[in-house]
Amino acid sequence: MEPIFEFLRDYWWLVFPLFGVMSAVGGAWERGARRRHKRRLEVLHAKAELKAAARGQAVAAASLPPVTAPTAVTMGSGPATRETQATQLERLFATHDGVTARWLDYELDVAKIIAFPAMSDGRQPLTAAFLRAKRIADGLRPASAKARLTKEQLAEYRSAVADFEVAFDVAERDARRIKDSSFTEVERKRLDTAKQLLTVAIDQAATPAERQLAYRRVRQELDGLISLSDEAITVLESQVSLELPAGGPAASTTDADSPRVSTAPPAPPAATPGTAPATSPAAGAAASRPAPQPQPAPWPVPARNAGDPAPGRVIHPKSHS
C-alpha cells in the first residue's frame, strides 16, 4: 500500500485533468443518448403516421408532404386517390418554386451578387452541391400536378425536392457567413466601389448620362471578380434605362417652352392710333394671346455723321407700323 500512497502524494494534481477528461466523456455520452432518443421519437412518429394513413385518418402536414399509402398506388387508382396525389404534387411544386424564386433573387439582383458573391460562384462546394440538387429536382419534376406517378416516382421526386431545399439553405447560410472574405483587400475595395456606383446607376433622381457612366464603371469594377449572368445584366440594364418620371425636369421644360392658348373668350384688342382692327384669322389668334407690355420709347441719340452740316442735331427714330 505504501507505493500507492507515495504515488498519490507525488501525483495528486492528476486529479484535475482526469476530472476534465471524465467530464468530456460524460458529456459526449449524454449527447449521444439525446440523439438516440430523438431518432427513436422520429421512428415512432413515422410509424404513427403510417398507421393513421392506413386507417384513412388525417396526418399532420409538414413542410414536405409525406408519402402515404393512398398515394403510393398504381395508375389504375380511383378518383379520390388521384386527388390526394395531386394535392401532394401541388405542395411539392410550391416548395420547389419557392426555393427557385429565392435562388433567382440572388442570381438576378446585382446588389445581392456583390454582397454575397458565393451564391453565384460554382467553385464553392456548397453552391455546387445546391446546383446539382437543383438539376436533379428539375429533371424529376412532373409536367403537371395531374400527372400519374407510381410510389417510387413520387418518393424520388419528394426526396429530390427535400435535398434541393436543404442544399439551398446550407449554401445561403454559408454565403451570408463568408460574404466577401475570399477576396483580397484590393478586390474588396473594388467591390465596395461597385456597390456605391450601383446605387447611382439605378437612382431615378440621377440624369441618364450619370446612370450610363455609373453602369459602365460597375461593369469595369466587377470584371474579373464576379461573373454576371446574361439575365442579371438584362435586369440591370432595364433598371438603368428607366425613363424620368412624368412631371420631371424634362416635362416642365417642354411645357414652359410651348405656348398655351387661353380657353377664355378673347377680349377685344385695344385701339392703337394709326392701325386698323385685325379681321384675318391669324390676327384673331394673335388677339387671343396676352398683349405684350408696352416698351418705353428710346431716348433721342445725337447724330454722329461727320458730313452733317449741323453737328449735334437730334434725330428721332422712325416708328414702324
Protein backbone atom coordinates (compact mmCIF):
# COMPACT_ATOMS: atom_id res chain seq x y z
CA MET A 1 0.00 0.00 0.00
CA GLU A 2 2.91 2.31 0.64
CA PRO A 3 3.79 2.64 -3.12
CA ILE A 4 0.21 3.61 -3.81
CA PHE A 5 0.21 6.27 -1.11
CA GLU A 6 3.55 7.61 -2.37
CA PHE A 7 2.18 7.81 -5.91
CA LEU A 8 -0.93 9.66 -4.72
CA ARG A 9 1.20 12.01 -2.68
CA ASP A 10 3.51 12.85 -5.57
CA TYR A 11 0.90 12.96 -8.37
CA TRP A 12 -2.22 14.25 -6.63
CA TRP A 13 -2.50 17.03 -9.23
CA LEU A 14 -3.50 14.47 -11.88
CA VAL A 15 -6.98 14.53 -10.37
CA PHE A 16 -7.81 17.77 -12.19
CA PRO A 17 -7.02 16.67 -15.79
CA LEU A 18 -8.65 13.29 -15.11
CA PHE A 19 -11.75 15.09 -13.92
CA GLY A 20 -11.81 17.14 -17.14
CA VAL A 21 -11.44 14.02 -19.28
CA MET A 22 -14.22 12.27 -17.43
CA SER A 23 -16.48 15.30 -17.82
CA ALA A 24 -15.86 15.37 -21.58
CA VAL A 25 -16.60 11.66 -21.87
CA GLY A 26 -19.78 12.05 -19.85
CA GLY A 27 -20.93 14.99 -21.98
CA ALA A 28 -20.32 13.04 -25.20
CA TRP A 29 -22.26 10.09 -23.85
CA GLU A 30 -25.15 12.35 -22.85
CA ARG A 31 -25.27 13.99 -26.31
CA GLY A 32 -25.24 10.56 -27.94
CA ALA A 33 -28.10 9.46 -25.70
CA ARG A 34 -30.10 12.53 -26.72
CA ARG A 35 -29.52 11.84 -30.40
CA ARG A 36 -30.58 8.20 -29.98
CA HIS A 37 -33.70 9.31 -28.13
CA LYS A 38 -34.52 11.81 -30.86
CA ARG A 39 -34.16 9.13 -33.54
CA ARG A 40 -36.45 6.79 -31.61
CA LEU A 41 -39.06 9.55 -31.38
CA GLU A 42 -38.82 10.17 -35.13
CA VAL A 43 -39.25 6.47 -35.85
CA LEU A 44 -42.26 6.28 -33.55
CA HIS A 45 -43.77 9.36 -35.17
CA ALA A 46 -43.26 7.92 -38.64
CA LYS A 47 -44.88 4.63 -37.61
CA ALA A 48 -47.83 6.54 -36.16
CA GLU A 49 -48.25 8.44 -39.42
CA LEU A 50 -48.22 5.24 -41.43
CA LYS A 51 -50.78 3.64 -39.17
CA ALA A 52 -53.00 6.71 -39.32
CA ALA A 53 -52.72 6.82 -43.11
CA ALA A 54 -53.59 3.12 -43.35
CA ARG A 55 -56.75 3.76 -41.32
CA GLY A 56 -57.64 6.70 -43.56
CA GLN A 57 -57.16 9.36 -40.88
CA ALA A 58 -55.67 12.79 -41.48
CA VAL A 59 -51.95 13.11 -40.99
CA ALA A 60 -50.29 16.34 -39.88
CA ALA A 61 -48.72 18.06 -42.87
CA ALA A 62 -45.07 19.03 -42.71
CA SER A 63 -43.11 21.31 -44.99
CA LEU A 64 -42.98 18.44 -47.46
CA PRO A 65 -45.96 16.09 -47.74
CA PRO A 66 -45.28 12.52 -46.60
CA VAL A 67 -45.65 9.59 -48.97
CA THR A 68 -48.73 7.89 -47.60
CA ALA A 69 -50.36 4.62 -48.60
CA PRO A 70 -53.31 6.11 -50.58
CA THR A 71 -50.93 7.97 -52.90
CA ALA A 72 -48.48 5.13 -53.44
CA VAL A 73 -50.71 3.24 -55.85
CA THR A 74 -50.61 2.14 -59.43
CA MET A 75 -52.05 4.01 -62.40
CA GLY A 76 -55.36 2.21 -62.06
CA SER A 77 -56.38 4.08 -58.91
CA GLY A 78 -59.70 5.77 -58.30
CA PRO A 79 -60.60 9.48 -58.42
CA ALA A 80 -60.13 10.01 -54.67
CA THR A 81 -56.61 8.60 -54.80
CA ARG A 82 -55.65 10.74 -57.78
CA GLU A 83 -56.91 13.83 -55.97
CA THR A 84 -54.72 13.04 -52.94
CA GLN A 85 -51.70 12.53 -55.14
CA ALA A 86 -52.41 15.79 -56.98
CA THR A 87 -52.59 17.63 -53.67
CA GLN A 88 -49.20 16.33 -52.65
CA LEU A 89 -47.74 17.24 -56.02
CA GLU A 90 -49.09 20.77 -55.69
CA ARG A 91 -47.38 21.09 -52.31
CA LEU A 92 -44.15 19.78 -53.75
CA PHE A 93 -44.44 22.21 -56.66
CA ALA A 94 -44.99 25.10 -54.24
CA THR A 95 -41.86 24.15 -52.28
CA HIS A 96 -39.87 23.66 -55.48
CA ASP A 97 -40.95 27.01 -56.93
CA GLY A 98 -40.34 28.80 -53.63
CA VAL A 99 -36.73 27.65 -53.44
CA THR A 100 -36.20 28.54 -57.10
CA ALA A 101 -37.58 32.04 -56.50
CA ARG A 102 -35.23 32.51 -53.54
CA TRP A 103 -32.30 31.44 -55.70
CA LEU A 104 -33.29 33.79 -58.55
CA ASP A 105 -33.41 36.63 -56.04
CA TYR A 106 -29.66 36.16 -55.60
CA GLU A 107 -28.96 35.33 -59.25
CA LEU A 108 -30.68 38.36 -60.85
CA ASP A 109 -30.06 41.09 -58.25
CA VAL A 110 -26.61 42.57 -58.86
CA ALA A 111 -26.60 44.21 -55.42
CA LYS A 112 -27.03 40.82 -53.73
CA ILE A 113 -24.45 39.27 -56.04
CA ILE A 114 -21.93 41.86 -54.85
CA ALA A 115 -22.93 41.43 -51.19
CA PHE A 116 -22.94 37.60 -51.27
CA PRO A 117 -20.74 36.51 -54.19
CA ALA A 118 -20.53 32.89 -53.00
CA MET A 119 -24.15 32.27 -54.07
CA SER A 120 -23.16 32.76 -57.71
CA ASP A 121 -19.76 31.06 -57.53
CA GLY A 122 -19.95 27.46 -58.71
CA ARG A 123 -16.46 26.82 -57.32
CA GLN A 124 -17.81 26.93 -53.78
CA PRO A 125 -18.53 23.33 -52.66
CA LEU A 126 -21.89 24.13 -51.04
CA THR A 127 -23.05 26.20 -54.00
CA ALA A 128 -22.02 23.43 -56.39
CA ALA A 129 -23.94 20.88 -54.29
CA PHE A 130 -27.01 23.10 -54.41
CA LEU A 131 -26.78 23.45 -58.19
CA ARG A 132 -26.54 19.67 -58.56
CA ALA A 133 -29.58 19.19 -56.32
CA LYS A 134 -31.48 21.77 -58.36
CA ARG A 135 -30.71 19.98 -61.61
CA ILE A 136 -31.88 16.66 -60.16
CA ALA A 137 -35.12 18.16 -58.80
CA ASP A 138 -35.84 19.94 -62.09
CA GLY A 139 -35.29 16.72 -64.01
CA LEU A 140 -37.63 14.69 -61.80
CA ARG A 141 -40.41 17.28 -61.72
CA PRO A 142 -43.62 16.05 -63.39
CA ALA A 143 -45.24 18.05 -66.15
CA SER A 144 -48.27 18.95 -64.01
CA ALA A 145 -49.99 18.09 -60.75
CA LYS A 146 -52.42 15.87 -62.66
CA ALA A 147 -49.65 13.53 -63.79
CA ARG A 148 -49.98 9.94 -62.59
CA LEU A 149 -46.94 8.74 -60.69
CA THR A 150 -46.07 5.47 -59.07
CA LYS A 151 -45.00 5.14 -55.47
CA GLU A 152 -41.32 5.08 -56.41
CA GLN A 153 -41.57 8.11 -58.71
CA LEU A 154 -43.37 10.23 -56.13
CA ALA A 155 -40.93 9.25 -53.39
CA GLU A 156 -37.96 10.03 -55.65
CA TYR A 157 -39.29 13.47 -56.56
CA ARG A 158 -40.12 14.24 -52.95
CA SER A 159 -36.60 13.28 -51.86
CA ALA A 160 -35.12 15.42 -54.64
CA VAL A 161 -37.14 18.47 -53.56
CA ALA A 162 -36.11 17.94 -49.94
CA ASP A 163 -32.44 17.75 -50.93
CA PHE A 164 -32.89 20.85 -53.10
CA GLU A 165 -34.37 22.85 -50.22
CA VAL A 166 -31.78 21.73 -47.68
CA ALA A 167 -28.87 22.35 -50.08
CA PHE A 168 -30.07 25.90 -50.72
CA ASP A 169 -30.48 26.67 -47.02
CA VAL A 170 -26.97 25.44 -46.28
CA ALA A 171 -25.43 27.33 -49.22
CA GLU A 172 -27.30 30.53 -48.27
CA ARG A 173 -26.15 30.42 -44.66
CA ASP A 174 -22.56 29.81 -45.71
CA ALA A 175 -22.66 32.64 -48.28
CA ARG A 176 -24.02 35.07 -45.69
CA ARG A 177 -21.33 33.95 -43.28
CA ILE A 178 -18.28 34.34 -45.50
CA LYS A 179 -19.58 37.30 -47.60
CA ASP A 180 -16.52 38.64 -49.45
CA SER A 181 -13.85 37.17 -47.17
CA SER A 182 -12.47 35.05 -50.01
CA PHE A 183 -11.32 38.19 -51.86
CA THR A 184 -8.16 40.19 -51.25
CA GLU A 185 -8.13 43.67 -49.76
CA VAL A 186 -7.81 45.32 -53.18
CA GLU A 187 -10.64 43.21 -54.58
CA ARG A 188 -12.87 44.10 -51.63
CA LYS A 189 -12.26 47.79 -52.31
CA ARG A 190 -13.33 47.25 -55.91
CA LEU A 191 -16.49 45.54 -54.71
CA ASP A 192 -17.27 48.46 -52.39
CA THR A 193 -16.74 50.90 -55.26
CA ALA A 194 -19.04 48.86 -57.50
CA LYS A 195 -21.68 48.81 -54.76
CA GLN A 196 -21.60 52.61 -54.45
CA LEU A 197 -21.73 53.11 -58.21
CA LEU A 198 -24.64 50.71 -58.48
CA THR A 199 -26.78 52.96 -56.29
CA VAL A 200 -26.15 55.81 -58.73
CA ALA A 201 -26.83 53.63 -61.78
CA ILE A 202 -30.33 52.68 -60.59
CA ASP A 203 -31.18 56.03 -58.98
CA GLN A 204 -34.08 57.65 -60.84
CA ALA A 205 -33.09 61.06 -59.50
CA ALA A 206 -29.82 60.91 -61.47
CA THR A 207 -29.60 62.01 -65.07
CA PRO A 208 -29.42 59.42 -67.88
CA ALA A 209 -25.80 60.35 -68.54
CA GLU A 210 -24.88 59.78 -64.89
CA ARG A 211 -26.66 56.42 -64.92
CA GLN A 212 -24.89 55.21 -68.03
CA LEU A 213 -21.49 56.32 -66.71
CA ALA A 214 -22.10 54.60 -63.36
CA TYR A 215 -23.29 51.44 -65.14
CA ARG A 216 -20.11 51.25 -67.23
CA ARG A 217 -17.99 51.79 -64.12
CA VAL A 218 -19.83 48.97 -62.31
CA ARG A 219 -19.10 46.59 -65.18
CA GLN A 220 -15.44 47.61 -65.14
CA GLU A 221 -15.07 47.11 -61.38
CA LEU A 222 -16.72 43.67 -61.47
CA ASP A 223 -14.74 42.50 -64.48
CA GLY A 224 -12.51 39.64 -63.35
CA LEU A 225 -14.10 39.45 -59.87
CA ILE A 226 -17.70 38.32 -60.37
CA SER A 227 -19.24 36.79 -63.48
CA LEU A 228 -22.72 38.21 -64.06
CA SER A 229 -25.22 36.09 -65.94
CA ASP A 230 -26.90 37.39 -69.07
CA GLU A 231 -30.23 37.57 -67.24
CA ALA A 232 -28.71 39.68 -64.44
CA ILE A 233 -27.19 42.07 -66.99
CA THR A 234 -30.55 42.38 -68.75
CA VAL A 235 -32.32 43.22 -65.47
CA LEU A 236 -29.64 45.77 -64.55
CA GLU A 237 -29.80 47.44 -67.95
CA SER A 238 -33.58 47.73 -67.68
CA GLN A 239 -33.16 49.45 -64.30
CA VAL A 240 -30.52 51.81 -65.66
CA SER A 241 -32.52 52.79 -68.75
CA LEU A 242 -35.69 53.75 -66.87
CA GLU A 243 -37.21 56.97 -68.17
CA LEU A 244 -37.59 60.00 -65.96
CA PRO A 245 -40.95 60.11 -64.17
CA ALA A 246 -43.75 62.27 -65.53
CA GLY A 247 -43.66 65.86 -64.32
CA GLY A 248 -39.87 65.82 -64.01
CA PRO A 249 -37.48 68.46 -65.29
CA ALA A 250 -37.87 67.44 -68.94
CA ALA A 251 -41.64 67.68 -68.84
CA SER A 252 -41.61 71.05 -67.10
CA THR A 253 -39.18 72.44 -69.65
CA THR A 254 -41.31 71.29 -72.55
CA ASP A 255 -44.42 72.79 -71.02
CA ALA A 256 -42.65 76.08 -70.43
CA ASP A 257 -41.37 76.26 -73.99
CA SER A 258 -44.69 75.52 -75.71
CA PRO A 259 -47.21 78.39 -75.61
CA ARG A 260 -50.60 77.70 -74.13
CA VAL A 261 -53.74 79.01 -75.77
CA SER A 262 -56.29 80.51 -73.40
CA THR A 263 -59.72 78.90 -73.39
CA ALA A 264 -61.44 82.12 -72.26
CA PRO A 265 -63.19 84.22 -74.92
CA PRO A 266 -60.76 86.71 -76.44
CA ALA A 267 -61.07 90.26 -75.29
CA PRO A 268 -61.40 92.99 -77.91
CA PRO A 269 -57.98 94.40 -78.79
CA ALA A 270 -57.15 97.87 -77.63
CA ALA A 271 -57.32 100.50 -80.31
CA THR A 272 -53.95 101.86 -81.35
CA PRO A 273 -53.67 105.18 -83.20
CA GLY A 274 -52.79 104.72 -86.82
CA THR A 275 -53.67 100.99 -87.00
CA ALA A 276 -56.73 99.26 -88.33
CA PRO A 277 -58.53 96.47 -86.45
CA ALA A 278 -57.42 92.98 -87.50
CA THR A 279 -60.01 90.95 -89.36
CA SER A 280 -57.96 87.94 -90.61
CA PRO A 281 -57.90 84.57 -88.72
CA ALA A 282 -54.21 84.99 -87.92
CA ALA A 283 -54.93 88.35 -86.42
CA GLY A 284 -57.77 86.84 -84.34
CA ALA A 285 -55.46 84.14 -82.99
CA ALA A 286 -52.87 86.73 -82.14
CA ALA A 287 -55.50 88.79 -80.38
CA SER A 288 -56.39 85.82 -78.14
CA ARG A 289 -52.88 85.82 -76.67
CA PRO A 290 -51.95 88.21 -73.85
CA ALA A 291 -50.97 91.62 -75.18
CA PRO A 292 -47.26 92.42 -74.77
CA GLN A 293 -46.26 95.08 -72.31
CA PRO A 294 -45.52 98.47 -73.97
CA GLN A 295 -41.83 99.19 -74.21
CA PRO A 296 -40.54 102.68 -73.37
CA ALA A 297 -39.58 104.84 -76.33
CA PRO A 298 -35.84 105.00 -76.97
CA TRP A 299 -34.03 108.07 -75.77
CA PRO A 300 -33.05 110.50 -78.61
CA VAL A 301 -29.50 109.79 -79.70
CA PRO A 302 -27.32 112.65 -81.07
CA ALA A 303 -26.23 112.23 -84.68
CA ARG A 304 -22.61 111.18 -85.28
CA ASN A 305 -22.45 111.82 -89.03
CA ALA A 306 -19.33 113.78 -89.90
CA GLY A 307 -20.93 115.24 -93.03
CA ASP A 308 -23.92 116.67 -91.18
CA PRO A 309 -24.00 120.42 -91.73
CA ALA A 310 -25.46 120.93 -88.25
CA PRO A 311 -23.49 118.89 -85.70
CA GLY A 312 -25.35 117.99 -82.54
CA ARG A 313 -28.69 117.74 -84.35
CA VAL A 314 -31.07 115.34 -82.63
CA ILE A 315 -32.53 112.61 -84.84
CA HIS A 316 -35.75 110.94 -83.65
CA PRO A 317 -36.18 107.27 -84.62
CA LYS A 318 -38.87 106.46 -87.10
CA SER A 319 -41.85 104.48 -85.88
CA HIS A 320 -42.52 101.15 -87.60
CA SER A 321 -46.14 100.46 -88.39
